[in-house]
Amino acid sequence: MALTTVYPTTAPQDKATTDLVNHLRGDTIPQAVGNSGLKVLVAGTTAIYIDFANVLSSKLPLFIGLVVILSFLLLMTVFRSIVIPLTAAVMNLLSIGAALGMLVAVFQWGDAGSLIGLQGTSPVEAFLPVMLFAILFGLSMDYQVFLVSRMHEEYIKSGGNNRIAVRNGLAATGKTITAAALIMILVFGSFILGGNRVIKEFGIGLAGGILVDAILIRMAIVPPS
């Protein structure tokens, strides 16, 4: 057994480093080994993170699909409607997309990064989209059920008047939703004050996603839809 340590000229997070590992595994090592039967592996911290990111990327569509489908079936059973769960799924994906967009803008593009103590740019951690999707989708679904349930109650109470149902339902739940969202925004926003980059990513992603979801989507987009 022999161990050879290789130091790339680029940073561990650099795309060129990932390309180097893939090139070693796919081209250089197979050509050098040939039919000798020698088994050569590329390991180390950087290679582990690359493999971890590849596994998560391949499983992410399945994870998102299962969560969305199960939530759709649950809401369809509760509200006996197809439009309501379909709207909820689309709106939840919008809020999650906004959160991921903020992460890319701040960490990968460097926009306003100096305001939170960042120097230069860096990639978003591979596991972060999975964690953010699970947390934000659950919170968004809570807001959706809370808001639509009250609108449904007002719809029945008003004898089927959509305008009154939306107005009264939004008035009854708006303050509660925004207050709950504000608490979570402050809590998650405090993560940005930490010195660890991953904690900052969690803070910006969660606080930004909840802000967009509670203020823009639940209060402005969902009621008229």
C-alpha atoms as a PDB file:
ATOM      1  CA  MET A   1       0.000   0.000   0.000  1.00  0.00           C
ATOM      2  CA  ALA A   2       1.267   3.463  -0.875  1.00  0.00           C
ATOM      3  CA  LEU A   3      -0.088   6.897   0.005  1.00  0.00           C
ATOM      4  CA  THR A   4       0.608   9.954  -2.125  1.00  0.00           C
ATOM      5  CA  THR A   5      -0.470  13.435  -1.037  1.00  0.00           C
ATOM      6  CA  VAL A   6      -1.397  15.860  -3.809  1.00  0.00           C
ATOM      7  CA  TYR A   7      -1.943  19.579  -3.249  1.00  0.00           C
ATOM      8  CA  PRO A   8      -3.951  21.378  -5.939  1.00  0.00           C
ATOM      9  CA  THR A   9      -3.058  24.941  -6.823  1.00  0.00           C
ATOM     10  CA  THR A  10      -6.692  26.035  -6.398  1.00  0.00           C
ATOM     11  CA  ALA A  11      -8.830  26.336  -3.268  1.00  0.00           C
ATOM     12  CA  PRO A  12     -10.838  23.339  -1.986  1.00  0.00           C
ATOM     13  CA  GLN A  13     -14.103  25.119  -2.857  1.00  0.00           C
ATOM     14  CA  ASP A  14     -12.935  26.075  -6.351  1.00  0.00           C
ATOM     15  CA  LYS A  15     -14.622  24.413  -9.326  1.00  0.00           C
ATOM     16  CA  ALA A  16     -11.176  23.732 -10.759  1.00  0.00           C
ATOM     17  CA  THR A  17     -10.413  21.512  -7.755  1.00  0.00           C
ATOM     18  CA  THR A  18     -13.561  19.474  -8.390  1.00  0.00           C
ATOM     19  CA  ASP A  19     -12.621  19.178 -12.048  1.00  0.00           C
ATOM     20  CA  LEU A  20      -9.139  18.002 -11.007  1.00  0.00           C
ATOM     21  CA  VAL A  21     -10.520  15.222  -8.789  1.00  0.00           C
ATOM     22  CA  ASN A  22     -12.906  14.090 -11.527  1.00  0.00           C
ATOM     23  CA  HIS A  23     -10.085  14.200 -14.089  1.00  0.00           C
ATOM     24  CA  LEU A  24      -7.815  12.090 -11.876  1.00  0.00           C
ATOM     25  CA  ARG A  25     -10.529   9.507 -11.298  1.00  0.00           C
ATOM     26  CA  GLY A  26     -11.890   9.387 -14.822  1.00  0.00           C
ATOM     27  CA  ASP A  27      -8.836   9.881 -17.046  1.00  0.00           C
ATOM     28  CA  THR A  28      -5.394  10.059 -15.452  1.00  0.00           C
ATOM     29  CA  ILE A  29      -5.545   7.097 -13.047  1.00  0.00           C
ATOM     30  CA  PRO A  30      -7.285   4.624 -15.428  1.00  0.00           C
ATOM     31  CA  GLN A  31      -4.741   5.402 -18.157  1.00  0.00           C
ATOM     32  CA  ALA A  32      -1.802   5.052 -15.765  1.00  0.00           C
ATOM     33  CA  VAL A  33      -3.022   1.809 -14.191  1.00  0.00           C
ATOM     34  CA  GLY A  34      -4.130   0.124 -17.387  1.00  0.00           C
ATOM     35  CA  ASN A  35      -4.621  -3.628 -16.995  1.00  0.00           C
ATOM     36  CA  SER A  36      -2.163  -4.009 -14.132  1.00  0.00           C
ATOM     37  CA  GLY A  37      -4.896  -4.750 -11.599  1.00  0.00           C
ATOM     38  CA  LEU A  38      -3.620  -2.016  -9.333  1.00  0.00           C
ATOM     39  CA  LYS A  39      -6.407  -0.271  -7.396  1.00  0.00           C
ATOM     40  CA  VAL A  40      -5.941   3.467  -6.990  1.00  0.00           C
ATOM     41  CA  LEU A  41      -8.381   5.659  -5.039  1.00  0.00           C
ATOM     42  CA  VAL A  42      -8.628   9.421  -4.669  1.00  0.00           C
ATOM     43  CA  ALA A  43      -9.552  10.228  -1.086  1.00  0.00           C
ATOM     44  CA  GLY A  44      -9.126  13.020   1.426  1.00  0.00           C
ATOM     45  CA  THR A  45     -11.358  15.760   2.814  1.00  0.00           C
ATOM     46  CA  THR A  46     -11.848  17.535  -0.511  1.00  0.00           C
ATOM     47  CA  ALA A  47     -12.761  14.327  -2.349  1.00  0.00           C
ATOM     48  CA  ILE A  48     -15.181  13.385   0.428  1.00  0.00           C
ATOM     49  CA  TYR A  49     -17.008  16.700   0.130  1.00  0.00           C
ATOM     50  CA  ILE A  50     -17.174  16.324  -3.641  1.00  0.00           C
ATOM     51  CA  ASP A  51     -18.664  12.831  -3.338  1.00  0.00           C
ATOM     52  CA  PHE A  52     -21.098  14.043  -0.673  1.00  0.00           C
ATOM     53  CA  ALA A  53     -22.249  16.890  -2.918  1.00  0.00           C
ATOM     54  CA  ASN A  54     -22.730  14.510  -5.843  1.00  0.00           C
ATOM     55  CA  VAL A  55     -24.852  12.139  -3.757  1.00  0.00           C
ATOM     56  CA  LEU A  56     -27.029  14.977  -2.445  1.00  0.00           C
ATOM     57  CA  SER A  57     -27.446  16.447  -5.926  1.00  0.00           C
ATOM     58  CA  SER A  58     -28.615  13.113  -7.319  1.00  0.00           C
ATOM     59  CA  LYS A  59     -31.128  12.576  -4.496  1.00  0.00           C
ATOM     60  CA  LEU A  60     -32.401  16.169  -4.242  1.00  0.00           C
ATOM     61  CA  PRO A  61     -35.066  15.899  -7.000  1.00  0.00           C
ATOM     62  CA  LEU A  62     -36.476  12.753  -5.363  1.00  0.00           C
ATOM     63  CA  PHE A  63     -36.495  14.424  -1.939  1.00  0.00           C
ATOM     64  CA  ILE A  64     -38.244  17.547  -3.236  1.00  0.00           C
ATOM     65  CA  GLY A  65     -40.733  15.496  -5.224  1.00  0.00           C
ATOM     66  CA  LEU A  66     -41.712  13.331  -2.256  1.00  0.00           C
ATOM     67  CA  VAL A  67     -42.174  16.308   0.064  1.00  0.00           C
ATOM     68  CA  VAL A  68     -44.273  18.233  -2.455  1.00  0.00           C
ATOM     69  CA  ILE A  69     -46.431  15.219  -3.378  1.00  0.00           C
ATOM     70  CA  LEU A  70     -47.091  14.204   0.231  1.00  0.00           C
ATOM     71  CA  SER A  71     -47.958  17.793   1.182  1.00  0.00           C
ATOM     72  CA  PHE A  72     -50.224  18.029  -1.849  1.00  0.00           C
ATOM     73  CA  LEU A  73     -52.096  14.864  -0.857  1.00  0.00           C
ATOM     74  CA  LEU A  74     -52.432  16.028   2.745  1.00  0.00           C
ATOM     75  CA  LEU A  75     -53.872  19.430   1.801  1.00  0.00           C
ATOM     76  CA  MET A  76     -56.124  17.862  -0.809  1.00  0.00           C
ATOM     77  CA  THR A  77     -57.548  15.589   1.880  1.00  0.00           C
ATOM     78  CA  VAL A  78     -58.028  18.423   4.373  1.00  0.00           C
ATOM     79  CA  PHE A  79     -59.568  21.016   2.045  1.00  0.00           C
ATOM     80  CA  ARG A  80     -61.071  18.619  -0.541  1.00  0.00           C
ATOM     81  CA  SER A  81     -59.644  20.734  -3.310  1.00  0.00           C
ATOM     82  CA  ILE A  82     -56.962  20.451  -5.978  1.00  0.00           C
ATOM     83  CA  VAL A  83     -56.408  24.171  -6.512  1.00  0.00           C
ATOM     84  CA  ILE A  84     -55.535  24.934  -2.868  1.00  0.00           C
ATOM     85  CA  PRO A  85     -52.731  22.338  -2.499  1.00  0.00           C
ATOM     86  CA  LEU A  86     -51.434  23.151  -5.980  1.00  0.00           C
ATOM     87  CA  THR A  87     -51.261  26.846  -5.106  1.00  0.00           C
ATOM     88  CA  ALA A  88     -49.611  26.052  -1.784  1.00  0.00           C
ATOM     89  CA  ALA A  89     -46.920  23.939  -3.450  1.00  0.00           C
ATOM     90  CA  VAL A  90     -46.102  26.623  -6.010  1.00  0.00           C
ATOM     91  CA  MET A  91     -45.990  29.395  -3.395  1.00  0.00           C
ATOM     92  CA  ASN A  92     -43.791  27.338  -1.083  1.00  0.00           C
ATOM     93  CA  LEU A  93     -41.354  26.680  -3.909  1.00  0.00           C
ATOM     94  CA  LEU A  94     -41.261  30.418  -4.621  1.00  0.00           C
ATOM     95  CA  SER A  95     -40.273  31.259  -1.052  1.00  0.00           C
ATOM     96  CA  ILE A  96     -37.616  28.546  -1.020  1.00  0.00           C
ATOM     97  CA  GLY A  97     -36.303  29.758  -4.359  1.00  0.00           C
ATOM     98  CA  ALA A  98     -36.049  33.272  -2.937  1.00  0.00           C
ATOM     99  CA  ALA A  99     -34.055  31.982   0.045  1.00  0.00           C
ATOM    100  CA  LEU A 100     -31.628  30.077  -2.176  1.00  0.00           C
ATOM    101  CA  GLY A 101     -31.321  33.111  -4.448  1.00  0.00           C
ATOM    102  CA  MET A 102     -30.282  35.249  -1.486  1.00  0.00           C
ATOM    103  CA  LEU A 103     -27.632  32.713  -0.532  1.00  0.00           C
ATOM    104  CA  VAL A 104     -26.200  32.671  -4.030  1.00  0.00           C
ATOM    105  CA  ALA A 105     -26.186  36.471  -4.232  1.00  0.00           C
ATOM    106  CA  VAL A 106     -24.448  36.967  -0.885  1.00  0.00           C
ATOM    107  CA  PHE A 107     -22.008  34.057  -0.769  1.00  0.00           C
ATOM    108  CA  GLN A 108     -21.296  33.100  -4.380  1.00  0.00           C
ATOM    109  CA  TRP A 109     -21.571  36.543  -5.961  1.00  0.00           C
ATOM    110  CA  GLY A 110     -20.372  38.503  -2.941  1.00  0.00           C
ATOM    111  CA  ASP A 111     -23.253  41.026  -2.930  1.00  0.00           C
ATOM    112  CA  ALA A 112     -23.291  42.859   0.418  1.00  0.00           C
ATOM    113  CA  GLY A 113     -21.044  40.160   1.872  1.00  0.00           C
ATOM    114  CA  SER A 114     -18.834  42.720   3.586  1.00  0.00           C
ATOM    115  CA  LEU A 115     -21.827  43.900   5.636  1.00  0.00           C
ATOM    116  CA  ILE A 116     -21.963  40.574   7.475  1.00  0.00           C
ATOM    117  CA  GLY A 117     -18.229  40.093   7.823  1.00  0.00           C
ATOM    118  CA  LEU A 118     -17.509  38.017   4.710  1.00  0.00           C
ATOM    119  CA  GLN A 119     -14.348  38.374   2.677  1.00  0.00           C
ATOM    120  CA  GLY A 120     -14.472  37.310  -0.946  1.00  0.00           C
ATOM    121  CA  THR A 121     -16.858  34.698  -2.296  1.00  0.00           C
ATOM    122  CA  SER A 122     -17.504  31.078  -1.377  1.00  0.00           C
ATOM    123  CA  PRO A 123     -19.844  28.286  -2.501  1.00  0.00           C
ATOM    124  CA  VAL A 124     -23.010  27.369  -0.636  1.00  0.00           C
ATOM    125  CA  GLU A 125     -22.600  24.195   1.417  1.00  0.00           C
ATOM    126  CA  ALA A 126     -23.917  21.128  -0.395  1.00  0.00           C
ATOM    127  CA  PHE A 127     -26.224  20.024   2.421  1.00  0.00           C
ATOM    128  CA  LEU A 128     -27.763  23.460   2.941  1.00  0.00           C
ATOM    129  CA  PRO A 129     -30.434  23.334   0.166  1.00  0.00           C
ATOM    130  CA  VAL A 130     -31.797  20.091   1.620  1.00  0.00           C
ATOM    131  CA  MET A 131     -31.985  21.503   5.145  1.00  0.00           C
ATOM    132  CA  LEU A 132     -33.483  24.822   4.024  1.00  0.00           C
ATOM    133  CA  PHE A 133     -36.059  23.109   1.839  1.00  0.00           C
ATOM    134  CA  ALA A 134     -37.265  20.870   4.669  1.00  0.00           C
ATOM    135  CA  ILE A 135     -37.480  23.675   7.244  1.00  0.00           C
ATOM    136  CA  LEU A 136     -38.920  26.411   5.016  1.00  0.00           C
ATOM    137  CA  PHE A 137     -41.425  24.105   3.338  1.00  0.00           C
ATOM    138  CA  GLY A 138     -42.759  23.051   6.730  1.00  0.00           C
ATOM    139  CA  LEU A 139     -43.054  26.635   7.979  1.00  0.00           C
ATOM    140  CA  SER A 140     -44.647  27.804   4.734  1.00  0.00           C
ATOM    141  CA  MET A 141     -47.174  24.998   4.880  1.00  0.00           C
ATOM    142  CA  ASP A 142     -48.120  26.034   8.415  1.00  0.00           C
ATOM    143  CA  TYR A 143     -48.797  29.582   7.257  1.00  0.00           C
ATOM    144  CA  GLN A 144     -50.784  28.309   4.285  1.00  0.00           C
ATOM    145  CA  VAL A 145     -53.013  26.026   6.369  1.00  0.00           C
ATOM    146  CA  PHE A 146     -53.551  28.707   9.008  1.00  0.00           C
ATOM    147  CA  LEU A 147     -54.498  31.368   6.458  1.00  0.00           C
ATOM    148  CA  VAL A 148     -56.626  29.258   4.121  1.00  0.00           C
ATOM    149  CA  SER A 149     -58.448  27.518   6.989  1.00  0.00           C
ATOM    150  CA  ARG A 150     -59.646  30.837   8.351  1.00  0.00           C
ATOM    151  CA  MET A 151     -60.663  31.989   4.866  1.00  0.00           C
ATOM    152  CA  HIS A 152     -62.610  28.766   4.448  1.00  0.00           C
ATOM    153  CA  GLU A 153     -64.399  29.369   7.743  1.00  0.00           C
ATOM    154  CA  GLU A 154     -65.320  32.903   6.668  1.00  0.00           C
ATOM    155  CA  TYR A 155     -66.452  31.581   3.274  1.00  0.00           C
ATOM    156  CA  ILE A 156     -68.919  29.236   4.935  1.00  0.00           C
ATOM    157  CA  LYS A 157     -70.018  31.896   7.412  1.00  0.00           C
ATOM    158  CA  SER A 158     -70.642  34.479   4.660  1.00  0.00           C
ATOM    159  CA  GLY A 159     -72.677  32.087   2.543  1.00  0.00           C
ATOM    160  CA  GLY A 160     -70.059  31.661  -0.198  1.00  0.00           C
ATOM    161  CA  ASN A 161     -68.869  35.258  -0.608  1.00  0.00           C
ATOM    162  CA  ASN A 162     -65.235  35.055  -1.760  1.00  0.00           C
ATOM    163  CA  ARG A 163     -64.479  38.749  -1.245  1.00  0.00           C
ATOM    164  CA  ILE A 164     -65.665  38.759   2.363  1.00  0.00           C
ATOM    165  CA  ALA A 165     -63.951  35.428   3.079  1.00  0.00           C
ATOM    166  CA  VAL A 166     -60.572  36.642   1.832  1.00  0.00           C
ATOM    167  CA  ARG A 167     -60.849  40.028   3.548  1.00  0.00           C
ATOM    168  CA  ASN A 168     -61.964  38.712   6.936  1.00  0.00           C
ATOM    169  CA  GLY A 169     -59.663  35.693   6.849  1.00  0.00           C
ATOM    170  CA  LEU A 170     -56.647  37.835   6.047  1.00  0.00           C
ATOM    171  CA  ALA A 171     -57.586  40.395   8.687  1.00  0.00           C
ATOM    172  CA  ALA A 172     -57.954  37.701  11.332  1.00  0.00           C
ATOM    173  CA  THR A 173     -54.707  35.862  10.616  1.00  0.00           C
ATOM    174  CA  GLY A 174     -52.453  38.555   9.153  1.00  0.00           C
ATOM    175  CA  LYS A 175     -51.181  39.929  12.470  1.00  0.00           C
ATOM    176  CA  THR A 176     -50.577  36.467  13.882  1.00  0.00           C
ATOM    177  CA  ILE A 177     -48.658  35.285  10.831  1.00  0.00           C
ATOM    178  CA  THR A 178     -46.502  38.406  10.622  1.00  0.00           C
ATOM    179  CA  ALA A 179     -45.817  38.367  14.371  1.00  0.00           C
ATOM    180  CA  ALA A 180     -44.764  34.706  14.300  1.00  0.00           C
ATOM    181  CA  ALA A 181     -42.643  35.358  11.217  1.00  0.00           C
ATOM    182  CA  LEU A 182     -40.990  38.367  12.845  1.00  0.00           C
ATOM    183  CA  ILE A 183     -39.952  36.267  15.840  1.00  0.00           C
ATOM    184  CA  MET A 184     -38.365  33.639  13.623  1.00  0.00           C
ATOM    185  CA  ILE A 185     -36.709  36.259  11.416  1.00  0.00           C
ATOM    186  CA  LEU A 186     -35.076  37.819  14.481  1.00  0.00           C
ATOM    187  CA  VAL A 187     -33.988  34.428  15.818  1.00  0.00           C
ATOM    188  CA  PHE A 188     -32.581  33.188  12.524  1.00  0.00           C
ATOM    189  CA  GLY A 189     -31.196  36.622  11.710  1.00  0.00           C
ATOM    190  CA  SER A 190     -29.081  36.451  14.853  1.00  0.00           C
ATOM    191  CA  PHE A 191     -27.209  33.542  13.243  1.00  0.00           C
ATOM    192  CA  ILE A 192     -25.661  36.081  10.866  1.00  0.00           C
ATOM    193  CA  LEU A 193     -23.785  37.601  13.803  1.00  0.00           C
ATOM    194  CA  GLY A 194     -21.880  34.345  14.337  1.00  0.00           C
ATOM    195  CA  GLY A 195     -18.373  33.937  13.033  1.00  0.00           C
ATOM    196  CA  ASN A 196     -18.935  30.619  11.248  1.00  0.00           C
ATOM    197  CA  ARG A 197     -19.731  30.865   7.522  1.00  0.00           C
ATOM    198  CA  VAL A 198     -22.129  27.899   7.555  1.00  0.00           C
ATOM    199  CA  ILE A 199     -24.105  29.434  10.437  1.00  0.00           C
ATOM    200  CA  LYS A 200     -24.321  32.681   8.478  1.00  0.00           C
ATOM    201  CA  GLU A 201     -25.676  30.746   5.505  1.00  0.00           C
ATOM    202  CA  PHE A 202     -28.382  29.204   7.668  1.00  0.00           C
ATOM    203  CA  GLY A 203     -29.268  32.622   9.091  1.00  0.00           C
ATOM    204  CA  ILE A 204     -29.589  34.390   5.748  1.00  0.00           C
ATOM    205  CA  GLY A 205     -31.416  31.505   4.082  1.00  0.00           C
ATOM    206  CA  LEU A 206     -33.981  30.977   6.831  1.00  0.00           C
ATOM    207  CA  ALA A 207     -34.545  34.635   7.731  1.00  0.00           C
ATOM    208  CA  GLY A 208     -34.749  35.723   4.093  1.00  0.00           C
ATOM    209  CA  GLY A 209     -37.052  32.870   3.107  1.00  0.00           C
ATOM    210  CA  ILE A 210     -39.460  33.511   5.986  1.00  0.00           C
ATOM    211  CA  LEU A 211     -39.474  37.239   5.285  1.00  0.00           C
ATOM    212  CA  VAL A 212     -40.442  36.731   1.640  1.00  0.00           C
ATOM    213  CA  ASP A 213     -42.953  34.008   2.474  1.00  0.00           C
ATOM    214  CA  ALA A 214     -44.805  35.780   5.305  1.00  0.00           C
ATOM    215  CA  ILE A 215     -44.829  39.334   3.957  1.00  0.00           C
ATOM    216  CA  LEU A 216     -44.947  38.981   0.184  1.00  0.00           C
ATOM    217  CA  ILE A 217     -46.389  35.560  -0.577  1.00  0.00           C
ATOM    218  CA  ARG A 218     -48.888  34.932   2.257  1.00  0.00           C
ATOM    219  CA  MET A 219     -50.060  38.528   2.631  1.00  0.00           C
ATOM    220  CA  ALA A 220     -49.976  39.724  -0.994  1.00  0.00           C
ATOM    221  CA  ILE A 221     -49.961  36.810  -3.463  1.00  0.00           C
ATOM    222  CA  VAL A 222     -51.959  34.000  -1.832  1.00  0.00           C
ATOM    223  CA  PRO A 223     -55.145  35.948  -0.888  1.00  0.00           C
ATOM    224  CA  PRO A 224     -55.995  37.148  -4.423  1.00  0.00           C
ATOM    225  CA  SER A 225     -55.014  33.801  -5.931  1.00  0.00           C
END
